[in-house]
Amino acid sequence: MKVYWDACAWIGLINEEPDKVRGLEYYYTKAKSDEAEIWTSLLNYVEIFKYRNEDANPKPWSVENTQKIRDIMEQPFVVRLNVDFNVVIRARELLRTVPELKRPNDAIHLASALLFDVEEMHTYDRPHLLALNSKVARADGSFLKICVPAVPGNAPLLDGGVT
């Protein structure tokens, strides 16, 4: 199974956000055991640079956390995609033709998922990306499932961590 993660998925995993971490750890663990691949854009290396503290003020990641991000993302089961000419041309076309799509970074993530025929795009971006579930066609012509990563009802609880 090929799934695509945008920045908010990675941030949810790294921050161990209670409403996100179980689904993300489920897929990360599946990928770790060769039952899935996580596809993502190298754009995430730029997007994941700040976190919100208790006061909801964005703060830059520490050097240690920046290394943790790299360690989590630079695994053999994570396919890192370049933002190449084909991706930016498709992203620009999506921005022009899909009214719900407002942000260039979201367009790059969506274009990457579409061009590489991933089965699901995992995100928590409700106003922009989740609204496009089953509305945009992949390169193979089928429609992309855009969703919050769900854990099957009979899935075991995880061992608590991605490292």
C-alpha atoms as a PDB file:
ATOM      1  CA  MET A   1       0.000   0.000   0.000  1.00  0.00           C
ATOM      2  CA  LYS A   2       1.272   3.454  -0.950  1.00  0.00           C
ATOM      3  CA  VAL A   3       0.168   6.359   1.246  1.00  0.00           C
ATOM      4  CA  TYR A   4       1.179   9.994   0.956  1.00  0.00           C
ATOM      5  CA  TRP A   5       1.755  12.204   4.012  1.00  0.00           C
ATOM      6  CA  ASP A   6       1.694  15.988   3.962  1.00  0.00           C
ATOM      7  CA  ALA A   7       3.357  18.168   6.603  1.00  0.00           C
ATOM      8  CA  CYS A   8       0.493  18.055   9.117  1.00  0.00           C
ATOM      9  CA  ALA A   9       0.704  14.251   9.214  1.00  0.00           C
ATOM     10  CA  TRP A  10       4.432  14.312   9.978  1.00  0.00           C
ATOM     11  CA  ILE A  11       3.956  17.040  12.585  1.00  0.00           C
ATOM     12  CA  GLY A  12       1.177  15.037  14.258  1.00  0.00           C
ATOM     13  CA  LEU A  13       3.470  12.013  14.468  1.00  0.00           C
ATOM     14  CA  ILE A  14       6.510  13.924  15.688  1.00  0.00           C
ATOM     15  CA  ASN A  15       4.534  15.887  18.297  1.00  0.00           C
ATOM     16  CA  GLU A  16       2.608  12.747  19.299  1.00  0.00           C
ATOM     17  CA  GLU A  17      -0.624  14.735  19.043  1.00  0.00           C
ATOM     18  CA  PRO A  18      -3.281  12.716  20.896  1.00  0.00           C
ATOM     19  CA  ASP A  19      -5.950  13.018  18.185  1.00  0.00           C
ATOM     20  CA  LYS A  20      -3.535  11.968  15.429  1.00  0.00           C
ATOM     21  CA  VAL A  21      -0.755   9.756  16.722  1.00  0.00           C
ATOM     22  CA  ARG A  22      -2.519   6.361  16.794  1.00  0.00           C
ATOM     23  CA  GLY A  23      -3.483   6.417  13.117  1.00  0.00           C
ATOM     24  CA  LEU A  24      -0.103   7.760  12.079  1.00  0.00           C
ATOM     25  CA  GLU A  25       1.822   5.233  14.180  1.00  0.00           C
ATOM     26  CA  TYR A  26      -0.346   2.485  12.710  1.00  0.00           C
ATOM     27  CA  TYR A  27       0.734   3.333   9.147  1.00  0.00           C
ATOM     28  CA  TYR A  28       4.313   4.075  10.149  1.00  0.00           C
ATOM     29  CA  THR A  29       4.498   0.638  11.802  1.00  0.00           C
ATOM     30  CA  LYS A  30       2.946  -1.005   8.710  1.00  0.00           C
ATOM     31  CA  ALA A  31       5.575   0.707   6.564  1.00  0.00           C
ATOM     32  CA  LYS A  32       8.338  -0.330   8.939  1.00  0.00           C
ATOM     33  CA  SER A  33       7.268  -3.970   8.509  1.00  0.00           C
ATOM     34  CA  ASP A  34       7.092  -3.692   4.686  1.00  0.00           C
ATOM     35  CA  GLU A  35       3.290  -3.733   4.549  1.00  0.00           C
ATOM     36  CA  ALA A  36       3.120  -0.154   3.242  1.00  0.00           C
ATOM     37  CA  GLU A  37       5.212   2.697   1.892  1.00  0.00           C
ATOM     38  CA  ILE A  38       4.924   6.280   3.013  1.00  0.00           C
ATOM     39  CA  TRP A  39       5.419   8.718   0.163  1.00  0.00           C
ATOM     40  CA  THR A  40       6.130  12.380   0.845  1.00  0.00           C
ATOM     41  CA  SER A  41       7.521  15.483  -0.781  1.00  0.00           C
ATOM     42  CA  LEU A  42      10.877  16.954   0.117  1.00  0.00           C
ATOM     43  CA  LEU A  43       8.863  20.155   0.569  1.00  0.00           C
ATOM     44  CA  ASN A  44       8.105  18.799   4.059  1.00  0.00           C
ATOM     45  CA  TYR A  45      11.716  19.379   5.070  1.00  0.00           C
ATOM     46  CA  VAL A  46      10.955  23.098   4.696  1.00  0.00           C
ATOM     47  CA  GLU A  47       7.376  23.058   5.985  1.00  0.00           C
ATOM     48  CA  ILE A  48       8.228  21.258   9.231  1.00  0.00           C
ATOM     49  CA  PHE A  49      10.320  23.957  10.847  1.00  0.00           C
ATOM     50  CA  LYS A  50       8.144  25.308  13.657  1.00  0.00           C
ATOM     51  CA  TYR A  51       5.880  23.968  16.356  1.00  0.00           C
ATOM     52  CA  ARG A  52       3.233  25.602  18.517  1.00  0.00           C
ATOM     53  CA  ASN A  53       3.921  25.846  22.227  1.00  0.00           C
ATOM     54  CA  GLU A  54       1.374  26.140  25.044  1.00  0.00           C
ATOM     55  CA  ASP A  55       0.754  29.790  24.090  1.00  0.00           C
ATOM     56  CA  ALA A  56       0.109  28.792  20.451  1.00  0.00           C
ATOM     57  CA  ASN A  57       3.081  30.871  19.358  1.00  0.00           C
ATOM     58  CA  PRO A  58       5.148  29.246  16.615  1.00  0.00           C
ATOM     59  CA  LYS A  59       8.691  28.445  17.745  1.00  0.00           C
ATOM     60  CA  PRO A  60      11.518  27.023  15.633  1.00  0.00           C
ATOM     61  CA  TRP A  61      12.414  23.374  16.242  1.00  0.00           C
ATOM     62  CA  SER A  62      15.524  22.748  18.301  1.00  0.00           C
ATOM     63  CA  VAL A  63      18.564  21.191  16.641  1.00  0.00           C
ATOM     64  CA  GLU A  64      17.790  17.930  18.487  1.00  0.00           C
ATOM     65  CA  ASN A  65      14.195  17.854  17.242  1.00  0.00           C
ATOM     66  CA  THR A  66      15.312  18.721  13.731  1.00  0.00           C
ATOM     67  CA  GLN A  67      17.514  15.620  13.827  1.00  0.00           C
ATOM     68  CA  LYS A  68      14.585  13.567  15.188  1.00  0.00           C
ATOM     69  CA  ILE A  69      12.494  14.713  12.225  1.00  0.00           C
ATOM     70  CA  ARG A  70      15.217  13.615   9.824  1.00  0.00           C
ATOM     71  CA  ASP A  71      15.616  10.278  11.599  1.00  0.00           C
ATOM     72  CA  ILE A  72      11.881   9.591  11.331  1.00  0.00           C
ATOM     73  CA  MET A  73      11.572  10.706   7.691  1.00  0.00           C
ATOM     74  CA  GLU A  74      14.806   9.212   6.375  1.00  0.00           C
ATOM     75  CA  GLN A  75      13.834   5.582   6.645  1.00  0.00           C
ATOM     76  CA  PRO A  76      14.031   3.112   3.736  1.00  0.00           C
ATOM     77  CA  PHE A  77      10.232   2.742   3.714  1.00  0.00           C
ATOM     78  CA  VAL A  78       9.715   6.493   3.244  1.00  0.00           C
ATOM     79  CA  VAL A  79       9.826   7.503  -0.417  1.00  0.00           C
ATOM     80  CA  ARG A  80      10.930  11.126  -0.668  1.00  0.00           C
ATOM     81  CA  LEU A  81       9.815  12.909  -3.823  1.00  0.00           C
ATOM     82  CA  ASN A  82      11.526  15.824  -5.486  1.00  0.00           C
ATOM     83  CA  VAL A  83       9.578  18.926  -6.359  1.00  0.00           C
ATOM     84  CA  ASP A  84      10.418  18.634 -10.046  1.00  0.00           C
ATOM     85  CA  PHE A  85       9.070  20.203 -13.225  1.00  0.00           C
ATOM     86  CA  ASN A  86       6.201  17.708 -13.590  1.00  0.00           C
ATOM     87  CA  VAL A  87       5.085  18.284 -10.012  1.00  0.00           C
ATOM     88  CA  VAL A  88       5.074  22.087 -10.272  1.00  0.00           C
ATOM     89  CA  ILE A  89       3.266  22.062 -13.629  1.00  0.00           C
ATOM     90  CA  ARG A  90       0.578  19.729 -12.210  1.00  0.00           C
ATOM     91  CA  ALA A  91       0.373  21.813  -9.005  1.00  0.00           C
ATOM     92  CA  ARG A  92      -0.144  25.006 -10.998  1.00  0.00           C
ATOM     93  CA  GLU A  93      -2.857  23.308 -13.072  1.00  0.00           C
ATOM     94  CA  LEU A  94      -4.593  22.156  -9.880  1.00  0.00           C
ATOM     95  CA  LEU A  95      -4.495  25.681  -8.410  1.00  0.00           C
ATOM     96  CA  ARG A  96      -6.088  26.973 -11.599  1.00  0.00           C
ATOM     97  CA  THR A  97      -8.809  24.317 -11.925  1.00  0.00           C
ATOM     98  CA  VAL A  98      -9.712  23.245  -8.372  1.00  0.00           C
ATOM     99  CA  PRO A  99     -11.380  26.170  -6.546  1.00  0.00           C
ATOM    100  CA  GLU A 100     -11.104  24.506  -3.105  1.00  0.00           C
ATOM    101  CA  LEU A 101      -7.327  24.379  -3.430  1.00  0.00           C
ATOM    102  CA  LYS A 102      -5.963  27.686  -2.149  1.00  0.00           C
ATOM    103  CA  ARG A 103      -2.344  27.156  -1.087  1.00  0.00           C
ATOM    104  CA  PRO A 104       0.619  26.380  -3.367  1.00  0.00           C
ATOM    105  CA  ASN A 105       2.158  23.982  -0.817  1.00  0.00           C
ATOM    106  CA  ASP A 106      -1.076  21.971  -0.706  1.00  0.00           C
ATOM    107  CA  ALA A 107      -1.066  21.910  -4.508  1.00  0.00           C
ATOM    108  CA  ILE A 108       2.480  20.508  -4.522  1.00  0.00           C
ATOM    109  CA  HIS A 109       1.502  17.768  -2.060  1.00  0.00           C
ATOM    110  CA  LEU A 110      -1.631  16.922  -4.021  1.00  0.00           C
ATOM    111  CA  ALA A 111       0.198  16.919  -7.366  1.00  0.00           C
ATOM    112  CA  SER A 112       2.861  14.598  -5.941  1.00  0.00           C
ATOM    113  CA  ALA A 113       0.247  12.149  -4.667  1.00  0.00           C
ATOM    114  CA  LEU A 114      -1.626  12.211  -7.973  1.00  0.00           C
ATOM    115  CA  LEU A 115       1.394  11.827 -10.240  1.00  0.00           C
ATOM    116  CA  PHE A 116       2.718   8.822  -8.326  1.00  0.00           C
ATOM    117  CA  ASP A 117      -0.652   7.028  -8.015  1.00  0.00           C
ATOM    118  CA  VAL A 118      -0.618   6.667  -4.232  1.00  0.00           C
ATOM    119  CA  GLU A 119      -3.678   4.882  -2.859  1.00  0.00           C
ATOM    120  CA  GLU A 120      -4.410   7.334  -0.053  1.00  0.00           C
ATOM    121  CA  MET A 121      -3.293  10.809   0.895  1.00  0.00           C
ATOM    122  CA  HIS A 122      -3.218  11.258   4.673  1.00  0.00           C
ATOM    123  CA  THR A 123      -3.827  14.753   5.983  1.00  0.00           C
ATOM    124  CA  TYR A 124      -5.664  16.708   8.657  1.00  0.00           C
ATOM    125  CA  ASP A 125      -6.183  19.753   6.420  1.00  0.00           C
ATOM    126  CA  ARG A 126      -9.982  19.939   6.561  1.00  0.00           C
ATOM    127  CA  PRO A 127     -10.736  23.136   4.703  1.00  0.00           C
ATOM    128  CA  HIS A 128      -8.506  22.457   1.726  1.00  0.00           C
ATOM    129  CA  LEU A 129      -7.333  18.906   1.101  1.00  0.00           C
ATOM    130  CA  LEU A 130      -9.883  16.687   2.863  1.00  0.00           C
ATOM    131  CA  ALA A 131     -12.631  18.464   0.937  1.00  0.00           C
ATOM    132  CA  LEU A 132     -11.121  17.019  -2.258  1.00  0.00           C
ATOM    133  CA  ASN A 133     -11.542  13.347  -1.289  1.00  0.00           C
ATOM    134  CA  SER A 134     -12.415  11.314  -4.407  1.00  0.00           C
ATOM    135  CA  LYS A 135     -12.674  14.486  -6.528  1.00  0.00           C
ATOM    136  CA  VAL A 136      -9.278  14.567  -8.246  1.00  0.00           C
ATOM    137  CA  ALA A 137      -7.896  11.926 -10.589  1.00  0.00           C
ATOM    138  CA  ARG A 138      -4.560  10.213 -10.198  1.00  0.00           C
ATOM    139  CA  ALA A 139      -2.288   9.622 -13.189  1.00  0.00           C
ATOM    140  CA  ASP A 140      -3.908   6.191 -13.675  1.00  0.00           C
ATOM    141  CA  GLY A 141      -7.369   7.805 -13.930  1.00  0.00           C
ATOM    142  CA  SER A 142      -8.799   6.604 -10.619  1.00  0.00           C
ATOM    143  CA  PHE A 143      -9.784   9.098  -7.950  1.00  0.00           C
ATOM    144  CA  LEU A 144      -7.497   9.757  -5.003  1.00  0.00           C
ATOM    145  CA  LYS A 145      -8.746   8.937  -1.526  1.00  0.00           C
ATOM    146  CA  ILE A 146      -7.821  11.861   0.744  1.00  0.00           C
ATOM    147  CA  CYS A 147      -8.456  11.071   4.389  1.00  0.00           C
ATOM    148  CA  VAL A 148      -7.388  11.142   7.992  1.00  0.00           C
ATOM    149  CA  PRO A 149      -5.392   7.945   8.583  1.00  0.00           C
ATOM    150  CA  ALA A 150      -7.798   5.488  10.175  1.00  0.00           C
ATOM    151  CA  VAL A 151      -6.902   2.466  12.256  1.00  0.00           C
ATOM    152  CA  PRO A 152      -8.991  -0.609  11.438  1.00  0.00           C
ATOM    153  CA  GLY A 153     -11.298  -1.585  14.302  1.00  0.00           C
ATOM    154  CA  ASN A 154      -9.523  -4.883  14.930  1.00  0.00           C
ATOM    155  CA  ALA A 155      -5.971  -3.469  14.760  1.00  0.00           C
ATOM    156  CA  PRO A 156      -3.837  -4.088  17.844  1.00  0.00           C
ATOM    157  CA  LEU A 157      -2.671  -1.207  19.987  1.00  0.00           C
ATOM    158  CA  LEU A 158       0.814  -0.099  19.051  1.00  0.00           C
ATOM    159  CA  ASP A 159       3.931  -0.412  21.114  1.00  0.00           C
ATOM    160  CA  GLY A 160       4.097   3.389  21.465  1.00  0.00           C
ATOM    161  CA  GLY A 161       6.687   4.893  19.220  1.00  0.00           C
ATOM    162  CA  VAL A 162       8.180   5.168  15.805  1.00  0.00           C
ATOM    163  CA  THR A 163      11.872   4.888  16.568  1.00  0.00           C
END
